[in-house]
Amino acid sequence: MGEQNLLKVGDILVTKTFMGTHKYPITRVTKTLAKSKRKSDGYEYTFKREISDNMSHPCEQWSTTEYNVIKQ
């Protein structure tokens, strides 16, 4: 696991689904997970920290979501 293949605080995770595109600014990271806290109510989204095709947590076997990362 190289450092360039991990999400860091400040990176933006962009997800694209059939319902639209959403941007999640990464606000906290652990050893294996990245968290994005929603400002309106404090809800925290969780993603895998390693950049890959399926970054959902918990893992979804038949996910059609596309993940892109904007590095800061």
PDB file of N, CA and C in Angstrom:
ATOM      1  N   MET A   1       0.847  -1.174   0.000  1.00  0.00           N
ATOM      2  CA  MET A   1       0.000   0.000   0.000  1.00  0.00           C
ATOM      3  C   MET A   1       0.891   1.234   0.000  1.00  0.00           C
ATOM      4  N   GLY A   2       1.031   1.880  -1.167  1.00  0.00           N
ATOM      5  CA  GLY A   2       1.825   3.086  -1.254  1.00  0.00           C
ATOM      6  C   GLY A   2       1.077   4.290  -0.729  1.00  0.00           C
ATOM      7  N   GLU A   3       1.819   5.307  -0.328  1.00  0.00           N
ATOM      8  CA  GLU A   3       1.207   6.521   0.231  1.00  0.00           C
ATOM      9  C   GLU A   3       0.321   7.221  -0.796  1.00  0.00           C
ATOM     10  N   GLN A   4       0.659   7.138  -2.097  1.00  0.00           N
ATOM     11  CA  GLN A   4      -0.132   7.801  -3.129  1.00  0.00           C
ATOM     12  C   GLN A   4      -1.449   7.074  -3.381  1.00  0.00           C
ATOM     13  N   ASN A   5      -1.594   5.845  -2.900  1.00  0.00           N
ATOM     14  CA  ASN A   5      -2.827   5.082  -3.095  1.00  0.00           C
ATOM     15  C   ASN A   5      -3.774   5.179  -1.907  1.00  0.00           C
ATOM     16  N   LEU A   6      -3.536   6.123  -0.997  1.00  0.00           N
ATOM     17  CA  LEU A   6      -4.383   6.293   0.182  1.00  0.00           C
ATOM     18  C   LEU A   6      -5.028   7.666   0.181  1.00  0.00           C
ATOM     19  N   LEU A   7      -6.254   7.720   0.682  1.00  0.00           N
ATOM     20  CA  LEU A   7      -6.918   9.012   0.880  1.00  0.00           C
ATOM     21  C   LEU A   7      -6.293   9.714   2.077  1.00  0.00           C
ATOM     22  N   LYS A   8      -6.202  11.032   1.998  1.00  0.00           N
ATOM     23  CA  LYS A   8      -5.679  11.845   3.100  1.00  0.00           C
ATOM     24  C   LYS A   8      -6.723  12.902   3.459  1.00  0.00           C
ATOM     25  N   VAL A   9      -6.565  13.514   4.610  1.00  0.00           N
ATOM     26  CA  VAL A   9      -7.444  14.615   5.012  1.00  0.00           C
ATOM     27  C   VAL A   9      -7.293  15.731   3.990  1.00  0.00           C
ATOM     28  N   GLY A  10      -8.410  16.232   3.501  1.00  0.00           N
ATOM     29  CA  GLY A  10      -8.410  17.297   2.503  1.00  0.00           C
ATOM     30  C   GLY A  10      -8.718  16.803   1.099  1.00  0.00           C
ATOM     31  N   ASP A  11      -8.510  15.503   0.830  1.00  0.00           N
ATOM     32  CA  ASP A  11      -8.874  14.947  -0.466  1.00  0.00           C
ATOM     33  C   ASP A  11     -10.387  14.959  -0.615  1.00  0.00           C
ATOM     34  N   ILE A  12     -10.866  14.925  -1.847  1.00  0.00           N
ATOM     35  CA  ILE A  12     -12.300  14.906  -2.114  1.00  0.00           C
ATOM     36  C   ILE A  12     -12.621  13.627  -2.874  1.00  0.00           C
ATOM     37  N   LEU A  13     -13.538  12.835  -2.334  1.00  0.00           N
ATOM     38  CA  LEU A  13     -13.997  11.617  -2.976  1.00  0.00           C
ATOM     39  C   LEU A  13     -15.274  11.938  -3.737  1.00  0.00           C
ATOM     40  N   VAL A  14     -15.282  11.662  -5.036  1.00  0.00           N
ATOM     41  CA  VAL A  14     -16.435  11.936  -5.890  1.00  0.00           C
ATOM     42  C   VAL A  14     -17.075  10.602  -6.250  1.00  0.00           C
ATOM     43  N   THR A  15     -18.361  10.453  -5.929  1.00  0.00           N
ATOM     44  CA  THR A  15     -19.078   9.234  -6.279  1.00  0.00           C
ATOM     45  C   THR A  15     -20.113   9.550  -7.343  1.00  0.00           C
ATOM     46  N   LYS A  16     -20.239   8.650  -8.302  1.00  0.00           N
ATOM     47  CA  LYS A  16     -21.215   8.828  -9.374  1.00  0.00           C
ATOM     48  C   LYS A  16     -22.107   7.592  -9.413  1.00  0.00           C
ATOM     49  N   THR A  17     -23.415   7.812  -9.232  1.00  0.00           N
ATOM     50  CA  THR A  17     -24.404   6.736  -9.291  1.00  0.00           C
ATOM     51  C   THR A  17     -25.480   7.122 -10.299  1.00  0.00           C
ATOM     52  N   PHE A  18     -26.451   6.257 -10.479  1.00  0.00           N
ATOM     53  CA  PHE A  18     -27.559   6.570 -11.382  1.00  0.00           C
ATOM     54  C   PHE A  18     -28.406   7.726 -10.862  1.00  0.00           C
ATOM     55  N   MET A  19     -28.265   8.059  -9.583  1.00  0.00           N
ATOM     56  CA  MET A  19     -29.032   9.158  -8.997  1.00  0.00           C
ATOM     57  C   MET A  19     -28.293  10.484  -9.014  1.00  0.00           C
ATOM     58  N   GLY A  20     -27.033  10.488  -9.445  1.00  0.00           N
ATOM     59  CA  GLY A  20     -26.291  11.739  -9.506  1.00  0.00           C
ATOM     60  C   GLY A  20     -24.878  11.604  -8.980  1.00  0.00           C
ATOM     61  N   THR A  21     -24.218  12.749  -8.899  1.00  0.00           N
ATOM     62  CA  THR A  21     -22.834  12.823  -8.451  1.00  0.00           C
ATOM     63  C   THR A  21     -22.780  13.541  -7.111  1.00  0.00           C
ATOM     64  N   HIS A  22     -21.966  13.002  -6.189  1.00  0.00           N
ATOM     65  CA  HIS A  22     -21.810  13.598  -4.868  1.00  0.00           C
ATOM     66  C   HIS A  22     -20.334  13.731  -4.543  1.00  0.00           C
ATOM     67  N   LYS A  23     -19.983  14.801  -3.829  1.00  0.00           N
ATOM     68  CA  LYS A  23     -18.605  15.034  -3.408  1.00  0.00           C
ATOM     69  C   LYS A  23     -18.518  14.923  -1.892  1.00  0.00           C
ATOM     70  N   TYR A  24     -17.517  14.184  -1.424  1.00  0.00           N
ATOM     71  CA  TYR A  24     -17.310  13.975   0.006  1.00  0.00           C
ATOM     72  C   TYR A  24     -15.906  14.436   0.378  1.00  0.00           C
ATOM     73  N   PRO A  25     -15.761  15.594   1.012  1.00  0.00           N
ATOM     74  CA  PRO A  25     -14.425  16.010   1.485  1.00  0.00           C
ATOM     75  C   PRO A  25     -14.017  15.143   2.679  1.00  0.00           C
ATOM     76  N   ILE A  26     -12.821  14.597   2.628  1.00  0.00           N
ATOM     77  CA  ILE A  26     -12.335  13.711   3.687  1.00  0.00           C
ATOM     78  C   ILE A  26     -11.891  14.575   4.874  1.00  0.00           C
ATOM     79  N   THR A  27     -12.512  14.345   6.038  1.00  0.00           N
ATOM     80  CA  THR A  27     -12.232  15.145   7.223  1.00  0.00           C
ATOM     81  C   THR A  27     -11.408  14.402   8.268  1.00  0.00           C
ATOM     82  N   ARG A  28     -11.355  13.051   8.169  1.00  0.00           N
ATOM     83  CA  ARG A  28     -10.629  12.264   9.159  1.00  0.00           C
ATOM     84  C   ARG A  28     -10.232  10.946   8.521  1.00  0.00           C
ATOM     85  N   VAL A  29      -9.061  10.438   8.879  1.00  0.00           N
ATOM     86  CA  VAL A  29      -8.635   9.123   8.391  1.00  0.00           C
ATOM     87  C   VAL A  29      -8.133   8.273   9.554  1.00  0.00           C
ATOM     88  N   THR A  30      -8.314   6.963   9.417  1.00  0.00           N
ATOM     89  CA  THR A  30      -7.730   6.002  10.325  1.00  0.00           C
ATOM     90  C   THR A  30      -6.753   5.167   9.506  1.00  0.00           C
ATOM     91  N   LYS A  31      -6.268   4.098  10.074  1.00  0.00           N
ATOM     92  CA  LYS A  31      -5.318   3.255   9.355  1.00  0.00           C
ATOM     93  C   LYS A  31      -5.921   2.673   8.073  1.00  0.00           C
ATOM     94  N   THR A  32      -7.202   2.278   8.100  1.00  0.00           N
ATOM     95  CA  THR A  32      -7.828   1.624   6.949  1.00  0.00           C
ATOM     96  C   THR A  32      -9.056   2.335   6.408  1.00  0.00           C
ATOM     97  N   LEU A  33      -9.588   3.325   7.129  1.00  0.00           N
ATOM     98  CA  LEU A  33     -10.826   3.987   6.718  1.00  0.00           C
ATOM     99  C   LEU A  33     -10.647   5.492   6.564  1.00  0.00           C
ATOM    100  N   ALA A  34     -11.491   6.086   5.712  1.00  0.00           N
ATOM    101  CA  ALA A  34     -11.551   7.539   5.544  1.00  0.00           C
ATOM    102  C   ALA A  34     -12.968   7.983   5.891  1.00  0.00           C
ATOM    103  N   LYS A  35     -13.089   9.096   6.592  1.00  0.00           N
ATOM    104  CA  LYS A  35     -14.393   9.592   7.041  1.00  0.00           C
ATOM    105  C   LYS A  35     -14.654  10.979   6.470  1.00  0.00           C
ATOM    106  N   SER A  36     -15.916  11.216   6.123  1.00  0.00           N
ATOM    107  CA  SER A  36     -16.353  12.526   5.641  1.00  0.00           C
ATOM    108  C   SER A  36     -17.541  12.947   6.476  1.00  0.00           C
ATOM    109  N   LYS A  37     -17.394  14.039   7.221  1.00  0.00           N
ATOM    110  CA  LYS A  37     -18.458  14.504   8.117  1.00  0.00           C
ATOM    111  C   LYS A  37     -19.303  15.562   7.422  1.00  0.00           C
ATOM    112  N   ARG A  38     -20.622  15.347   7.433  1.00  0.00           N
ATOM    113  CA  ARG A  38     -21.567  16.298   6.854  1.00  0.00           C
ATOM    114  C   ARG A  38     -21.747  17.460   7.825  1.00  0.00           C
ATOM    115  N   LYS A  39     -21.621  18.686   7.335  1.00  0.00           N
ATOM    116  CA  LYS A  39     -21.678  19.866   8.202  1.00  0.00           C
ATOM    117  C   LYS A  39     -23.065  20.117   8.777  1.00  0.00           C
ATOM    118  N   SER A  40     -24.126  19.800   8.024  1.00  0.00           N
ATOM    119  CA  SER A  40     -25.466  20.155   8.452  1.00  0.00           C
ATOM    120  C   SER A  40     -25.900  19.445   9.737  1.00  0.00           C
ATOM    121  N   ASP A  41     -25.587  18.164   9.871  1.00  0.00           N
ATOM    122  CA  ASP A  41     -26.042  17.446  11.060  1.00  0.00           C
ATOM    123  C   ASP A  41     -24.978  16.563  11.700  1.00  0.00           C
ATOM    124  N   GLY A  42     -23.750  16.582  11.191  1.00  0.00           N
ATOM    125  CA  GLY A  42     -22.666  15.826  11.800  1.00  0.00           C
ATOM    126  C   GLY A  42     -22.601  14.366  11.411  1.00  0.00           C
ATOM    127  N   TYR A  43     -23.416  13.935  10.445  1.00  0.00           N
ATOM    128  CA  TYR A  43     -23.365  12.534  10.012  1.00  0.00           C
ATOM    129  C   TYR A  43     -22.023  12.254   9.344  1.00  0.00           C
ATOM    130  N   GLU A  44     -21.431  11.093   9.634  1.00  0.00           N
ATOM    131  CA  GLU A  44     -20.119  10.758   9.111  1.00  0.00           C
ATOM    132  C   GLU A  44     -20.212   9.595   8.122  1.00  0.00           C
ATOM    133  N   TYR A  45     -19.842   9.844   6.871  1.00  0.00           N
ATOM    134  CA  TYR A  45     -19.779   8.797   5.856  1.00  0.00           C
ATOM    135  C   TYR A  45     -18.448   8.075   5.997  1.00  0.00           C
ATOM    136  N   THR A  46     -18.439   6.764   5.755  1.00  0.00           N
ATOM    137  CA  THR A  46     -17.229   5.960   5.901  1.00  0.00           C
ATOM    138  C   THR A  46     -16.899   5.286   4.577  1.00  0.00           C
ATOM    139  N   PHE A  47     -15.631   5.363   4.194  1.00  0.00           N
ATOM    140  CA  PHE A  47     -15.133   4.748   2.973  1.00  0.00           C
ATOM    141  C   PHE A  47     -13.825   4.031   3.286  1.00  0.00           C
ATOM    142  N   LYS A  48     -13.440   3.091   2.414  1.00  0.00           N
ATOM    143  CA  LYS A  48     -12.119   2.484   2.533  1.00  0.00           C
ATOM    144  C   LYS A  48     -11.085   3.544   2.193  1.00  0.00           C
ATOM    145  N   ARG A  49      -9.950   3.507   2.855  1.00  0.00           N
ATOM    146  CA  ARG A  49      -8.920   4.518   2.633  1.00  0.00           C
ATOM    147  C   ARG A  49      -8.099   4.230   1.380  1.00  0.00           C
ATOM    148  N   GLU A  50      -7.944   2.957   1.022  1.00  0.00           N
ATOM    149  CA  GLU A  50      -7.176   2.596  -0.167  1.00  0.00           C
ATOM    150  C   GLU A  50      -7.991   2.904  -1.420  1.00  0.00           C
ATOM    151  N   ILE A  51      -7.394   3.621  -2.358  1.00  0.00           N
ATOM    152  CA  ILE A  51      -8.081   4.004  -3.590  1.00  0.00           C
ATOM    153  C   ILE A  51      -8.212   2.780  -4.484  1.00  0.00           C
ATOM    154  N   SER A  52      -9.470   2.446  -4.851  1.00  0.00           N
ATOM    155  CA  SER A  52      -9.740   1.274  -5.678  1.00  0.00           C
ATOM    156  C   SER A  52     -11.073   1.469  -6.402  1.00  0.00           C
ATOM    157  N   ASP A  53     -11.536   0.413  -7.084  1.00  0.00           N
ATOM    158  CA  ASP A  53     -12.806   0.473  -7.808  1.00  0.00           C
ATOM    159  C   ASP A  53     -14.010   0.495  -6.877  1.00  0.00           C
ATOM    160  N   ASN A  54     -13.919  -0.161  -5.728  1.00  0.00           N
ATOM    161  CA  ASN A  54     -15.022  -0.222  -4.773  1.00  0.00           C
ATOM    162  C   ASN A  54     -14.514   0.235  -3.418  1.00  0.00           C
ATOM    163  N   MET A  55     -14.846   1.465  -3.046  1.00  0.00           N
ATOM    164  CA  MET A  55     -14.356   2.038  -1.793  1.00  0.00           C
ATOM    165  C   MET A  55     -15.434   2.097  -0.718  1.00  0.00           C
ATOM    166  N   SER A  56     -16.584   1.471  -0.968  1.00  0.00           N
ATOM    167  CA  SER A  56     -17.662   1.514   0.017  1.00  0.00           C
ATOM    168  C   SER A  56     -17.286   0.697   1.251  1.00  0.00           C
ATOM    169  N   HIS A  57     -17.816   1.110   2.376  1.00  0.00           N
ATOM    170  CA  HIS A  57     -17.611   0.395   3.638  1.00  0.00           C
ATOM    171  C   HIS A  57     -18.933   0.352   4.380  1.00  0.00           C
ATOM    172  N   PRO A  58     -19.492  -0.774   4.707  1.00  0.00           N
ATOM    173  CA  PRO A  58     -19.008  -2.105   4.373  1.00  0.00           C
ATOM    174  C   PRO A  58     -19.101  -2.362   2.872  1.00  0.00           C
ATOM    175  N   CYS A  59     -18.293  -3.286   2.413  1.00  0.00           N
ATOM    176  CA  CYS A  59     -18.151  -3.572   0.986  1.00  0.00           C
ATOM    177  C   CYS A  59     -19.467  -4.070   0.391  1.00  0.00           C
ATOM    178  N   GLU A  60     -19.824  -3.549  -0.788  1.00  0.00           N
ATOM    179  CA  GLU A  60     -21.003  -3.994  -1.517  1.00  0.00           C
ATOM    180  C   GLU A  60     -20.538  -4.836  -2.698  1.00  0.00           C
ATOM    181  N   GLN A  61     -21.068  -6.044  -2.808  1.00  0.00           N
ATOM    182  CA  GLN A  61     -20.597  -6.960  -3.833  1.00  0.00           C
ATOM    183  C   GLN A  61     -20.982  -6.513  -5.243  1.00  0.00           C
ATOM    184  N   TRP A  62     -22.170  -5.980  -5.435  1.00  0.00           N
ATOM    185  CA  TRP A  62     -22.658  -5.632  -6.777  1.00  0.00           C
ATOM    186  C   TRP A  62     -22.846  -4.131  -6.924  1.00  0.00           C
ATOM    187  N   SER A  63     -21.934  -3.358  -6.441  1.00  0.00           N
ATOM    188  CA  SER A  63     -22.020  -1.908  -6.493  1.00  0.00           C
ATOM    189  C   SER A  63     -21.780  -1.392  -7.910  1.00  0.00           C
ATOM    190  N   THR A  64     -22.602  -0.439  -8.357  1.00  0.00           N
ATOM    191  CA  THR A  64     -22.413   0.199  -9.664  1.00  0.00           C
ATOM    192  C   THR A  64     -21.866   1.620  -9.502  1.00  0.00           C
ATOM    193  N   THR A  65     -21.495   1.982  -8.292  1.00  0.00           N
ATOM    194  CA  THR A  65     -20.973   3.311  -8.014  1.00  0.00           C
ATOM    195  C   THR A  65     -19.563   3.459  -8.580  1.00  0.00           C
ATOM    196  N   GLU A  66     -19.310   4.599  -9.234  1.00  0.00           N
ATOM    197  CA  GLU A  66     -17.972   4.916  -9.727  1.00  0.00           C
ATOM    198  C   GLU A  66     -17.323   5.872  -8.729  1.00  0.00           C
ATOM    199  N   TYR A  67     -16.062   5.610  -8.373  1.00  0.00           N
ATOM    200  CA  TYR A  67     -15.337   6.429  -7.417  1.00  0.00           C
ATOM    201  C   TYR A  67     -14.175   7.134  -8.101  1.00  0.00           C
ATOM    202  N   ASN A  68     -14.031   8.439  -7.859  1.00  0.00           N
ATOM    203  CA  ASN A  68     -12.893   9.228  -8.332  1.00  0.00           C
ATOM    204  C   ASN A  68     -12.376  10.052  -7.167  1.00  0.00           C
ATOM    205  N   VAL A  69     -11.082  10.333  -7.173  1.00  0.00           N
ATOM    206  CA  VAL A  69     -10.474  11.082  -6.080  1.00  0.00           C
ATOM    207  C   VAL A  69      -9.822  12.337  -6.629  1.00  0.00           C
ATOM    208  N   ILE A  70     -10.092  13.452  -5.952  1.00  0.00           N
ATOM    209  CA  ILE A  70      -9.418  14.724  -6.244  1.00  0.00           C
ATOM    210  C   ILE A  70      -8.411  14.929  -5.124  1.00  0.00           C
ATOM    211  N   LYS A  71      -7.127  14.782  -5.432  1.00  0.00           N
ATOM    212  CA  LYS A  71      -6.072  14.902  -4.417  1.00  0.00           C
ATOM    213  C   LYS A  71      -5.785  16.369  -4.133  1.00  0.00           C
ATOM    214  N   GLN A  72      -5.483  16.673  -2.881  1.00  0.00           N
ATOM    215  CA  GLN A  72      -5.139  18.036  -2.468  1.00  0.00           C
ATOM    216  C   GLN A  72      -3.676  18.134  -2.168  1.00  0.00           C
TER     217      GLN A  72
END
